[in-house]
C-alpha atoms as a PDB file:
ATOM      1  CA  MET A   1       2.766  13.891  20.337  1.00  0.00           C
ATOM      2  CA  PHE A   2       3.841  13.770  16.682  1.00  0.00           C
ATOM      3  CA  ALA A   3       1.769  16.615  15.240  1.00  0.00           C
ATOM      4  CA  LYS A   4       4.627  19.113  14.891  1.00  0.00           C
ATOM      5  CA  ALA A   5       6.789  17.215  12.453  1.00  0.00           C
ATOM      6  CA  CYS A   6       9.158  20.174  12.023  1.00  0.00           C
ATOM      7  CA  HIS A   7      10.422  19.972  15.624  1.00  0.00           C
ATOM      8  CA  PRO A   8      13.548  17.777  15.926  1.00  0.00           C
ATOM      9  CA  ALA A   9      12.278  15.993  19.051  1.00  0.00           C
ATOM     10  CA  HIS A  10       9.015  15.082  17.314  1.00  0.00           C
ATOM     11  CA  ARG A  11      10.854  13.879  14.218  1.00  0.00           C
ATOM     12  CA  ALA A  12      13.093  11.715  16.384  1.00  0.00           C
ATOM     13  CA  ARG A  13      10.076  10.111  18.060  1.00  0.00           C
ATOM     14  CA  VAL A  14       8.470   9.413  14.714  1.00  0.00           C
ATOM     15  CA  ASN A  15      11.733   7.970  13.424  1.00  0.00           C
ATOM     16  CA  ASN A  16      12.099   5.713  16.480  1.00  0.00           C
ATOM     17  CA  ALA A  17       8.515   4.505  16.199  1.00  0.00           C
ATOM     18  CA  ALA A  18       8.933   3.746  12.489  1.00  0.00           C
ATOM     19  CA  ASP A  19      12.246   1.979  13.163  1.00  0.00           C
ATOM     20  CA  ALA A  20      10.668  -0.210  15.839  1.00  0.00           C
ATOM     21  CA  PHE A  21       7.803  -1.048  13.499  1.00  0.00           C
ATOM     22  CA  THR A  22      10.172  -1.898  10.635  1.00  0.00           C
ATOM     23  CA  LYS A  23      12.506  -3.928  12.846  1.00  0.00           C
ATOM     24  CA  GLN A  24       9.699  -6.120  14.147  1.00  0.00           C
ATOM     25  CA  ILE A  25       8.471  -6.937  10.657  1.00  0.00           C
ATOM     26  CA  CYS A  26      12.013  -7.653   9.450  1.00  0.00           C
ATOM     27  CA  GLU A  27      12.294 -10.324  12.141  1.00  0.00           C
ATOM     28  CA  VAL A  28       9.565 -12.228  10.295  1.00  0.00           C
ATOM     29  CA  ILE A  29      10.412 -11.258   6.699  1.00  0.00           C
ATOM     30  CA  VAL A  30      14.132 -12.031   6.593  1.00  0.00           C
ATOM     31  CA  GLY A  31      16.460 -10.327   4.125  1.00  0.00           C
ATOM     32  CA  LYS A  32      13.852  -7.955   2.656  1.00  0.00           C
ATOM     33  CA  ALA A  33      14.510  -4.750   4.601  1.00  0.00           C
ATOM     34  CA  ASP A  34      14.082  -2.483   1.550  1.00  0.00           C
ATOM     35  CA  ALA A  35      10.662  -3.915   0.689  1.00  0.00           C
ATOM     36  CA  VAL A  36       9.562  -3.691   4.327  1.00  0.00           C
ATOM     37  CA  LYS A  37      10.633  -0.037   4.571  1.00  0.00           C
ATOM     38  CA  LEU A  38       8.646   0.771   1.439  1.00  0.00           C
ATOM     39  CA  ALA A  39       5.598  -0.966   2.908  1.00  0.00           C
ATOM     40  CA  VAL A  40       5.932   1.071   6.102  1.00  0.00           C
ATOM     41  CA  ALA A  41       6.290   4.298   4.092  1.00  0.00           C
ATOM     42  CA  CYS A  42       3.120   3.389   2.188  1.00  0.00           C
ATOM     43  CA  LEU A  43       1.225   2.955   5.445  1.00  0.00           C
ATOM     44  CA  LEU A  44       2.505   6.210   6.947  1.00  0.00           C
ATOM     45  CA  ALA A  45       1.537   8.036   3.737  1.00  0.00           C
ATOM     46  CA  ARG A  46      -2.074   6.804   4.150  1.00  0.00           C
ATOM     47  CA  GLY A  47      -1.827   4.693   1.026  1.00  0.00           C
ATOM     48  CA  HIS A  48      -2.924   1.214   0.037  1.00  0.00           C
ATOM     49  CA  LEU A  49      -0.314  -1.434  -0.710  1.00  0.00           C
ATOM     50  CA  LEU A  50      -0.162  -4.027  -3.505  1.00  0.00           C
ATOM     51  CA  ILE A  51       2.331  -6.882  -3.139  1.00  0.00           C
ATOM     52  CA  GLU A  52       2.948  -8.799  -6.359  1.00  0.00           C
ATOM     53  CA  ASP A  53       5.100 -11.900  -6.677  1.00  0.00           C
ATOM     54  CA  ILE A  54       5.063 -15.635  -7.246  1.00  0.00           C
ATOM     55  CA  PRO A  55       3.434 -17.870  -4.606  1.00  0.00           C
ATOM     56  CA  GLY A  56       5.535 -18.841  -1.614  1.00  0.00           C
ATOM     57  CA  VAL A  57       7.843 -15.832  -1.190  1.00  0.00           C
ATOM     58  CA  GLY A  58       6.044 -14.322   1.821  1.00  0.00           C
ATOM     59  CA  LYS A  59       3.396 -11.949   0.441  1.00  0.00           C
ATOM     60  CA  THR A  60       0.688 -13.034   2.870  1.00  0.00           C
ATOM     61  CA  THR A  61       3.177 -13.300   5.740  1.00  0.00           C
ATOM     62  CA  LEU A  62       4.306  -9.703   5.193  1.00  0.00           C
ATOM     63  CA  SER A  63       0.696  -8.548   5.023  1.00  0.00           C
ATOM     64  CA  GLN A  64      -0.186 -10.286   8.277  1.00  0.00           C
ATOM     65  CA  ALA A  65       2.964  -9.000   9.988  1.00  0.00           C
ATOM     66  CA  LEU A  66       2.020  -5.436   9.042  1.00  0.00           C
ATOM     67  CA  ALA A  67      -1.528  -5.882  10.300  1.00  0.00           C
ATOM     68  CA  ARG A  68      -0.574  -7.535  13.589  1.00  0.00           C
ATOM     69  CA  SER A  69       2.068  -4.879  14.313  1.00  0.00           C
ATOM     70  CA  LEU A  70      -0.478  -2.084  13.978  1.00  0.00           C
ATOM     71  CA  GLY A  71      -2.878  -2.976  16.768  1.00  0.00           C
ATOM     72  CA  LEU A  72      -5.817  -2.261  14.468  1.00  0.00           C
ATOM     73  CA  ALA A  73      -8.967  -4.226  13.686  1.00  0.00           C
ATOM     74  CA  PHE A  74      -8.007  -6.759  11.013  1.00  0.00           C
ATOM     75  CA  GLN A  75      -9.914  -8.804   8.424  1.00  0.00           C
ATOM     76  CA  ARG A  76      -8.615 -11.173   5.767  1.00  0.00           C
ATOM     77  CA  ILE A  77     -10.573 -11.780   2.555  1.00  0.00           C
ATOM     78  CA  GLN A  78      -9.585 -14.579   0.194  1.00  0.00           C
ATOM     79  CA  PHE A  79     -10.517 -13.534  -3.336  1.00  0.00           C
ATOM     80  CA  THR A  80     -11.823 -16.278  -5.617  1.00  0.00           C
ATOM     81  CA  SER A  81     -13.510 -16.319  -8.999  1.00  0.00           C
ATOM     82  CA  ASP A  82     -16.966 -16.904  -7.465  1.00  0.00           C
ATOM     83  CA  LEU A  83     -16.757 -14.098  -4.891  1.00  0.00           C
ATOM     84  CA  LEU A  84     -19.490 -11.445  -5.180  1.00  0.00           C
ATOM     85  CA  PRO A  85     -19.342  -7.735  -4.257  1.00  0.00           C
ATOM     86  CA  ALA A  86     -21.888  -8.299  -1.468  1.00  0.00           C
ATOM     87  CA  ASP A  87     -19.530 -10.855   0.088  1.00  0.00           C
ATOM     88  CA  ILE A  88     -17.077  -7.992   0.650  1.00  0.00           C
ATOM     89  CA  LEU A  89     -19.252  -4.937   1.237  1.00  0.00           C
ATOM     90  CA  GLY A  90     -22.182  -6.547   3.011  1.00  0.00           C
ATOM     91  CA  ASN A  91     -25.863  -6.636   2.095  1.00  0.00           C
ATOM     92  CA  SER A  92     -29.333  -5.695   3.299  1.00  0.00           C
ATOM     93  CA  ILE A  93     -31.422  -8.420   4.885  1.00  0.00           C
ATOM     94  CA  PHE A  94     -35.105  -8.063   5.775  1.00  0.00           C
ATOM     95  CA  ASP A  95     -35.688  -7.998   9.534  1.00  0.00           C
ATOM     96  CA  ARG A  96     -39.149  -9.379  10.327  1.00  0.00           C
ATOM     97  CA  GLU A  97     -39.273  -7.799  13.765  1.00  0.00           C
ATOM     98  CA  LEU A  98     -38.393  -4.337  12.497  1.00  0.00           C
ATOM     99  CA  GLN A  99     -40.293  -4.868   9.241  1.00  0.00           C
ATOM    100  CA  GLN A 100     -37.491  -3.264   7.254  1.00  0.00           C
ATOM    101  CA  PHE A 101     -34.237  -4.067   5.523  1.00  0.00           C
ATOM    102  CA  VAL A 102     -31.159  -3.852   7.750  1.00  0.00           C
ATOM    103  CA  PHE A 103     -27.650  -3.480   6.304  1.00  0.00           C
ATOM    104  CA  HIS A 104     -25.183  -6.087   7.572  1.00  0.00           C
ATOM    105  CA  ARG A 105     -21.602  -4.941   7.161  1.00  0.00           C
ATOM    106  CA  GLY A 106     -19.141  -7.131   5.306  1.00  0.00           C
ATOM    107  CA  PRO A 107     -15.477  -7.821   6.110  1.00  0.00           C
ATOM    108  CA  LEU A 108     -14.366  -4.629   4.331  1.00  0.00           C
ATOM    109  CA  PHE A 109     -15.482  -2.713   7.430  1.00  0.00           C
ATOM    110  CA  SER A 110     -12.193  -3.046   9.228  1.00  0.00           C
ATOM    111  CA  GLN A 111      -9.159  -0.835   9.765  1.00  0.00           C
ATOM    112  CA  VAL A 112      -6.723  -3.191   8.037  1.00  0.00           C
ATOM    113  CA  VAL A 113      -8.062  -5.388   5.248  1.00  0.00           C
ATOM    114  CA  LEU A 114      -5.841  -8.072   3.764  1.00  0.00           C
ATOM    115  CA  ILE A 115      -7.081  -9.112   0.331  1.00  0.00           C
ATOM    116  CA  ASP A 116      -5.293 -12.299  -0.611  1.00  0.00           C
ATOM    117  CA  GLU A 117      -4.838 -12.956  -4.357  1.00  0.00           C
ATOM    118  CA  VAL A 118      -6.837  -9.920  -5.433  1.00  0.00           C
ATOM    119  CA  ASN A 119      -6.526 -10.809  -9.128  1.00  0.00           C
ATOM    120  CA  ARG A 120      -8.288 -14.162  -8.736  1.00  0.00           C
ATOM    121  CA  ALA A 121     -11.637 -12.359  -8.472  1.00  0.00           C
ATOM    122  CA  THR A 122     -13.585 -11.108 -11.474  1.00  0.00           C
ATOM    123  CA  ALA A 123     -13.617  -7.456 -12.548  1.00  0.00           C
ATOM    124  CA  LYS A 124     -17.089  -7.009 -11.022  1.00  0.00           C
ATOM    125  CA  THR A 125     -15.817  -7.966  -7.573  1.00  0.00           C
ATOM    126  CA  GLN A 126     -12.585  -6.011  -7.957  1.00  0.00           C
ATOM    127  CA  SER A 127     -14.572  -2.878  -8.797  1.00  0.00           C
ATOM    128  CA  ALA A 128     -16.356  -3.119  -5.441  1.00  0.00           C
ATOM    129  CA  LEU A 129     -13.126  -1.820  -3.875  1.00  0.00           C
ATOM    130  CA  LEU A 130     -12.863   1.374  -5.949  1.00  0.00           C
ATOM    131  CA  GLU A 131     -15.093   3.639  -3.873  1.00  0.00           C
ATOM    132  CA  ALA A 132     -13.793   2.296  -0.559  1.00  0.00           C
ATOM    133  CA  MET A 133     -10.118   2.766  -1.450  1.00  0.00           C
ATOM    134  CA  GLU A 134     -10.586   6.284  -2.795  1.00  0.00           C
ATOM    135  CA  GLU A 135     -13.233   7.814  -0.527  1.00  0.00           C
ATOM    136  CA  ASP A 136     -13.144   5.695   2.672  1.00  0.00           C
ATOM    137  CA  HIS A 137     -16.814   4.815   2.419  1.00  0.00           C
ATOM    138  CA  ILE A 138     -19.125   2.546   0.442  1.00  0.00           C
ATOM    139  CA  SER A 139     -22.615   3.024  -0.958  1.00  0.00           C
ATOM    140  CA  ALA A 140     -25.309   0.386  -0.646  1.00  0.00           C
ATOM    141  CA  ASP A 141     -29.011   0.769  -1.447  1.00  0.00           C
ATOM    142  CA  GLY A 142     -28.554   4.521  -1.826  1.00  0.00           C
ATOM    143  CA  VAL A 143     -27.021   4.897   1.647  1.00  0.00           C
ATOM    144  CA  THR A 144     -23.410   5.890   2.336  1.00  0.00           C
ATOM    145  CA  HIS A 145     -21.604   3.894   5.004  1.00  0.00           C
ATOM    146  CA  GLU A 146     -18.358   5.285   6.422  1.00  0.00           C
ATOM    147  CA  LEU A 147     -15.421   2.929   6.857  1.00  0.00           C
ATOM    148  CA  PRO A 148     -13.440   2.861  10.123  1.00  0.00           C
ATOM    149  CA  GLN A 149     -10.315   4.998  10.395  1.00  0.00           C
ATOM    150  CA  PRO A 150      -7.507   4.521   9.771  1.00  0.00           C
ATOM    151  CA  PHE A 151      -8.343   2.371   6.730  1.00  0.00           C
ATOM    152  CA  PHE A 152      -5.576   0.464   4.998  1.00  0.00           C
ATOM    153  CA  VAL A 153      -5.892  -2.141   2.230  1.00  0.00           C
ATOM    154  CA  ILE A 154      -3.059  -4.612   1.711  1.00  0.00           C
ATOM    155  CA  ALA A 155      -3.565  -6.776  -1.377  1.00  0.00           C
ATOM    156  CA  THR A 156      -1.454  -9.615  -2.696  1.00  0.00           C
ATOM    157  CA  GLN A 157      -1.376 -10.481  -6.377  1.00  0.00           C
ATOM    158  CA  ASN A 158       0.018 -13.399  -8.331  1.00  0.00           C
ATOM    159  CA  PRO A 159       1.742 -12.763 -11.683  1.00  0.00           C
ATOM    160  CA  GLN A 160      -0.798 -12.347 -14.470  1.00  0.00           C
ATOM    161  CA  HIS A 161       0.548 -15.227 -16.526  1.00  0.00           C
ATOM    162  CA  GLN A 162      -0.564 -17.724 -13.857  1.00  0.00           C
ATOM    163  CA  ILE A 163      -3.711 -19.779 -14.394  1.00  0.00           C
ATOM    164  CA  GLY A 164      -6.946 -18.412 -12.934  1.00  0.00           C
ATOM    165  CA  THR A 165      -5.998 -14.742 -12.686  1.00  0.00           C
ATOM    166  CA  PHE A 166      -7.829 -11.664 -13.971  1.00  0.00           C
ATOM    167  CA  PRO A 167      -5.833  -8.493 -14.716  1.00  0.00           C
ATOM    168  CA  LEU A 168      -6.464  -5.490 -12.484  1.00  0.00           C
ATOM    169  CA  PRO A 169      -7.816  -2.534 -14.490  1.00  0.00           C
ATOM    170  CA  GLU A 170      -5.859   0.725 -14.553  1.00  0.00           C
ATOM    171  CA  SER A 171      -8.444   2.443 -12.336  1.00  0.00           C
ATOM    172  CA  GLN A 172      -7.911  -0.207  -9.662  1.00  0.00           C
ATOM    173  CA  LEU A 173      -4.126  -0.128  -9.893  1.00  0.00           C
ATOM    174  CA  ASP A 174      -4.131   3.656  -9.559  1.00  0.00           C
ATOM    175  CA  ARG A 175      -5.814   3.322  -6.150  1.00  0.00           C
ATOM    176  CA  PHE A 176      -2.753   1.540  -4.773  1.00  0.00           C
ATOM    177  CA  LEU A 177      -0.152   4.041  -3.662  1.00  0.00           C
ATOM    178  CA  MET A 178       2.631   1.455  -4.033  1.00  0.00           C
ATOM    179  CA  ARG A 179       3.279  -1.922  -5.565  1.00  0.00           C
ATOM    180  CA  ILE A 180       6.247  -3.838  -4.198  1.00  0.00           C
ATOM    181  CA  GLU A 181       7.851  -7.183  -4.930  1.00  0.00           C
ATOM    182  CA  LEU A 182       9.635  -9.468  -2.476  1.00  0.00           C
ATOM    183  CA  GLY A 183      11.478 -11.922  -4.689  1.00  0.00           C
ATOM    184  CA  VAL A 184      13.384 -15.015  -3.609  1.00  0.00           C
ATOM    185  CA  PRO A 185      15.613 -14.416  -0.538  1.00  0.00           C
ATOM    186  CA  ASP A 186      19.385 -14.575  -0.827  1.00  0.00           C
ATOM    187  CA  ARG A 187      21.143 -17.736   0.302  1.00  0.00           C
ATOM    188  CA  ALA A 188      22.027 -16.489   3.800  1.00  0.00           C
ATOM    189  CA  SER A 189      18.485 -15.233   4.472  1.00  0.00           C
ATOM    190  CA  GLU A 190      16.984 -18.465   3.208  1.00  0.00           C
ATOM    191  CA  ARG A 191      19.292 -20.451   5.511  1.00  0.00           C
ATOM    192  CA  ALA A 192      18.143 -18.307   8.440  1.00  0.00           C
ATOM    193  CA  MET A 193      14.533 -19.104   7.528  1.00  0.00           C
ATOM    194  CA  LEU A 194      15.261 -22.826   7.310  1.00  0.00           C
ATOM    195  CA  LEU A 195      16.890 -22.849  10.738  1.00  0.00           C
ATOM    196  CA  GLY A 196      14.578 -20.349  12.418  1.00  0.00           C
ATOM    197  CA  MET A 197      11.149 -20.466  14.017  1.00  0.00           C
ATOM    198  CA  ASP A 198       8.092 -21.243  11.911  1.00  0.00           C
ATOM    199  CA  ARG A 199       6.755 -18.025  10.368  1.00  0.00           C
ATOM    200  CA  ARG A 200       3.182 -18.722  11.479  1.00  0.00           C
ATOM    201  CA  ALA A 201       4.340 -19.134  15.076  1.00  0.00           C
ATOM    202  CA  MET A 202       6.274 -15.862  14.841  1.00  0.00           C
ATOM    203  CA  LEU A 203       3.190 -14.036  13.588  1.00  0.00           C
ATOM    204  CA  LYS A 204       1.224 -15.141  16.644  1.00  0.00           C
ATOM    205  CA  GLU A 205       3.861 -13.645  18.941  1.00  0.00           C
ATOM    206  CA  LEU A 206       3.906 -10.204  17.312  1.00  0.00           C
ATOM    207  CA  LYS A 207       2.803  -7.345  19.557  1.00  0.00           C
ATOM    208  CA  PRO A 208       1.254  -4.074  18.329  1.00  0.00           C
ATOM    209  CA  VAL A 209       3.807  -1.300  17.879  1.00  0.00           C
ATOM    210  CA  PHE A 210       1.366   1.474  16.933  1.00  0.00           C
ATOM    211  CA  THR A 211      -1.937   2.336  18.560  1.00  0.00           C
ATOM    212  CA  PRO A 212      -4.572   3.758  16.202  1.00  0.00           C
ATOM    213  CA  GLU A 213      -4.119   7.204  17.760  1.00  0.00           C
ATOM    214  CA  THR A 214      -0.340   7.117  17.344  1.00  0.00           C
ATOM    215  CA  LEU A 215      -0.619   6.012  13.741  1.00  0.00           C
ATOM    216  CA  LEU A 216      -3.052   8.799  12.879  1.00  0.00           C
ATOM    217  CA  GLU A 217      -0.742  11.366  14.494  1.00  0.00           C
ATOM    218  CA  ILE A 218       2.264  10.107  12.538  1.00  0.00           C
ATOM    219  CA  GLN A 219       0.259  10.158   9.313  1.00  0.00           C
ATOM    220  CA  THR A 220      -0.646  13.786  10.068  1.00  0.00           C
ATOM    221  CA  ALA A 221       3.026  14.574  10.692  1.00  0.00           C
ATOM    222  CA  VAL A 222       3.940  13.086   7.303  1.00  0.00           C
ATOM    223  CA  ARG A 223       1.776  15.617   5.467  1.00  0.00           C
ATOM    224  CA  GLN A 224       3.581  18.447   7.280  1.00  0.00           C
ATOM    225  CA  VAL A 225       7.030  17.525   5.945  1.00  0.00           C
ATOM    226  CA  HIS A 226       8.102  20.486   3.810  1.00  0.00           C
ATOM    227  CA  ALA A 227       8.366  20.212   0.025  1.00  0.00           C
ATOM    228  CA  SER A 228      10.160  23.161  -1.562  1.00  0.00           C
ATOM    229  CA  GLY A 229       9.196  24.799  -4.831  1.00  0.00           C
ATOM    230  CA  ALA A 230      12.241  23.276  -6.527  1.00  0.00           C
ATOM    231  CA  LEU A 231      11.237  19.832  -5.296  1.00  0.00           C
ATOM    232  CA  LEU A 232       7.703  20.265  -6.635  1.00  0.00           C
ATOM    233  CA  ASP A 233       9.163  21.417  -9.959  1.00  0.00           C
ATOM    234  CA  TYR A 234      11.146  18.164 -10.106  1.00  0.00           C
ATOM    235  CA  LEU A 235       8.048  16.129  -9.298  1.00  0.00           C
ATOM    236  CA  GLN A 236       6.040  17.892 -11.995  1.00  0.00           C
ATOM    237  CA  ASP A 237       8.869  17.376 -14.486  1.00  0.00           C
ATOM    238  CA  LEU A 238       8.551  13.636 -13.832  1.00  0.00           C
ATOM    239  CA  LEU A 239       4.787  13.767 -14.368  1.00  0.00           C
ATOM    240  CA  ASP A 240       5.136  15.803 -17.571  1.00  0.00           C
ATOM    241  CA  ALA A 241       7.822  13.491 -18.946  1.00  0.00           C
ATOM    242  CA  SER A 242       5.658  10.433 -18.280  1.00  0.00           C
ATOM    243  CA  ARG A 243       2.735  11.973 -20.164  1.00  0.00           C
ATOM    244  CA  GLN A 244       4.886  12.919 -23.137  1.00  0.00           C
ATOM    245  CA  ARG A 245       6.628   9.558 -23.471  1.00  0.00           C
ATOM    246  CA  HIS A 246       3.968   7.024 -22.498  1.00  0.00           C
ATOM    247  CA  SER A 247       0.419   6.388 -23.618  1.00  0.00           C
ATOM    248  CA  ALA A 248      -0.504   5.709 -20.002  1.00  0.00           C
ATOM    249  CA  GLY A 249       1.138   8.688 -18.326  1.00  0.00           C
ATOM    250  CA  LEU A 250       1.012   9.425 -14.614  1.00  0.00           C
ATOM    251  CA  SER A 251      -2.258  10.889 -13.320  1.00  0.00           C
ATOM    252  CA  PRO A 252      -2.608  13.749 -10.813  1.00  0.00           C
ATOM    253  CA  ARG A 253      -3.433  11.073  -8.223  1.00  0.00           C
ATOM    254  CA  ALA A 254      -0.062   9.495  -8.999  1.00  0.00           C
ATOM    255  CA  GLY A 255       1.623  12.857  -8.414  1.00  0.00           C
ATOM    256  CA  LEU A 256       0.018  13.145  -4.987  1.00  0.00           C
ATOM    257  CA  ALA A 257       0.982   9.555  -4.213  1.00  0.00           C
ATOM    258  CA  LEU A 258       4.598  10.243  -5.153  1.00  0.00           C
ATOM    259  CA  LEU A 259       4.710  13.362  -2.980  1.00  0.00           C
ATOM    260  CA  HIS A 260       3.127  11.708   0.057  1.00  0.00           C
ATOM    261  CA  ALA A 261       5.333   8.626  -0.206  1.00  0.00           C
ATOM    262  CA  ALA A 262       8.427  10.842  -0.435  1.00  0.00           C
ATOM    263  CA  GLN A 263       7.275  12.827   2.601  1.00  0.00           C
ATOM    264  CA  ALA A 264       6.902   9.585   4.568  1.00  0.00           C
ATOM    265  CA  TRP A 265      10.337   8.400   3.437  1.00  0.00           C
ATOM    266  CA  ALA A 266      11.895  11.707   4.506  1.00  0.00           C
ATOM    267  CA  LEU A 267      10.228  11.566   7.916  1.00  0.00           C
ATOM    268  CA  MET A 268      11.370   7.962   8.421  1.00  0.00           C
ATOM    269  CA  HIS A 269      14.926   9.197   7.842  1.00  0.00           C
ATOM    270  CA  ASP A 270      14.575  12.083  10.301  1.00  0.00           C
ATOM    271  CA  ARG A 271      14.451  14.893   7.737  1.00  0.00           C
ATOM    272  CA  GLU A 272      12.249  17.958   7.945  1.00  0.00           C
ATOM    273  CA  MET A 273      12.006  18.435   4.175  1.00  0.00           C
ATOM    274  CA  VAL A 274      11.711  16.238   1.101  1.00  0.00           C
ATOM    275  CA  LEU A 275      14.836  15.764  -1.015  1.00  0.00           C
ATOM    276  CA  PRO A 276      15.021  14.519  -4.624  1.00  0.00           C
ATOM    277  CA  GLU A 277      16.575  11.268  -3.356  1.00  0.00           C
ATOM    278  CA  ASP A 278      13.386  10.637  -1.355  1.00  0.00           C
ATOM    279  CA  ILE A 279      11.379  10.748  -4.574  1.00  0.00           C
ATOM    280  CA  GLN A 280      13.911   8.472  -6.251  1.00  0.00           C
ATOM    281  CA  ALA A 281      13.792   6.000  -3.345  1.00  0.00           C
ATOM    282  CA  VAL A 282      10.023   5.504  -3.608  1.00  0.00           C
ATOM    283  CA  GLY A 283       9.606   6.385  -7.291  1.00  0.00           C
ATOM    284  CA  VAL A 284       9.688   2.943  -8.875  1.00  0.00           C
ATOM    285  CA  SER A 285       7.258   1.454  -6.333  1.00  0.00           C
ATOM    286  CA  VAL A 286       4.824   4.343  -6.875  1.00  0.00           C
ATOM    287  CA  MET A 287       5.104   4.632 -10.661  1.00  0.00           C
ATOM    288  CA  ALA A 288       5.794   1.146 -12.043  1.00  0.00           C
ATOM    289  CA  HIS A 289       2.268  -0.280 -11.775  1.00  0.00           C
ATOM    290  CA  ARG A 290       0.870   2.908 -13.301  1.00  0.00           C
ATOM    291  CA  LEU A 291       3.195   2.809 -16.304  1.00  0.00           C
ATOM    292  CA  GLY A 292       2.921  -0.914 -16.967  1.00  0.00           C
ATOM    293  CA  HIS A 293       0.036  -0.474 -19.441  1.00  0.00           C
ATOM    294  CA  ASP A 294       1.955   1.568 -22.002  1.00  0.00           C
ATOM    295  CA  LEU A 295       0.496   0.533 -25.346  1.00  0.00           C
ATOM    296  CA  ASP A 296       3.419   2.070 -27.240  1.00  0.00           C
ATOM    297  CA  GLN A 297       6.028  -0.037 -25.415  1.00  0.00           C
ATOM    298  CA  PRO A 298       4.301  -3.349 -24.611  1.00  0.00           C
ATOM    299  CA  GLY A 299       7.538  -5.306 -24.294  1.00  0.00           C
ATOM    300  CA  LEU A 300       8.867  -3.260 -21.368  1.00  0.00           C
ATOM    301  CA  SER A 301       7.870  -3.772 -17.753  1.00  0.00           C
ATOM    302  CA  GLY A 302       6.548  -0.969 -15.595  1.00  0.00           C
ATOM    303  CA  ARG A 303       9.664  -1.140 -13.423  1.00  0.00           C
ATOM    304  CA  THR A 304      11.885  -0.632 -16.462  1.00  0.00           C
ATOM    305  CA  LEU A 305       9.841   2.358 -17.632  1.00  0.00           C
ATOM    306  CA  ALA A 306       9.769   3.927 -14.158  1.00  0.00           C
ATOM    307  CA  ASP A 307      13.504   3.459 -13.683  1.00  0.00           C
ATOM    308  CA  ALA A 308      14.227   4.987 -17.102  1.00  0.00           C
ATOM    309  CA  LEU A 309      11.998   7.950 -16.262  1.00  0.00           C
ATOM    310  CA  LEU A 310      13.842   8.631 -13.000  1.00  0.00           C
ATOM    311  CA  HIS A 311      17.209   8.498 -14.798  1.00  0.00           C
ATOM    312  CA  SER A 312      16.146  10.729 -17.681  1.00  0.00           C
ATOM    313  CA  VAL A 313      14.664  13.692 -15.772  1.00  0.00           C
ATOM    314  CA  PRO A 314      17.357  16.055 -14.418  1.00  0.00           C
ATOM    315  CA  VAL A 315      17.596  16.341 -10.639  1.00  0.00           C
ATOM    316  CA  PRO A 316      17.546  19.943  -9.350  1.00  0.00           C
END
């Protein structure tokens, strides 16, 4: 249904489906339409999403709203300091009847995995996600186990200055296509929350908007959105500038993430080709967490560095 993204009728259907998905989530997460649209773009681009903010602003609620609106198999994992990799991936247990070890799959074997407070687990447990998020499979006892498709990780993270948190290494951060922040709602949105239905009750009433088949077709359509040579030149100029100015420049994986996110953003806005403004719309969310480890400019946040990069590179 959505495979031919270049056809106007197909683009319109994709746009309507994405709008319906976004609208439903915005009914739960009030006053944060921009953050919700970025989260939807991340999903359609086949990326993993990191939501970072202080406790109580709706990180877990947004994650659950995304999962429940997808109609996909869903698992929630609460990360703690004593969590072990086997608690996530699964482990092999000896079966006396079969007289052999049998692998029992862990909660990571789901289509949507919500990892709550990912930075409260140790580096050893965090590293258990690396293979799964990059290659869509895990290895245990020398055997490769494929993860279900589509596979989407949504992780929440508390600010690093809070007690009991462990920083995510650069290799882990680079696996997340986007990092978004919600922030405190404005006064009108907060009043609507105070007077409205309980968020947990609203989550229970959410109905799936996408079937797994529909989602996979839309994700395929995203990759078919055209990116011109001039657009790719602009993207590469951003990558080159980041590597020249920052000790932790953008990796090739970051370049692919930026392109795919921009393609999703263009498709969500009913365009058949990527424009520079699509890259600018998703740029900070894709680049900030990758630039936040600049050893030469430790006093500047990743968002500040990403924003400065977008403003300094000429737009074609």
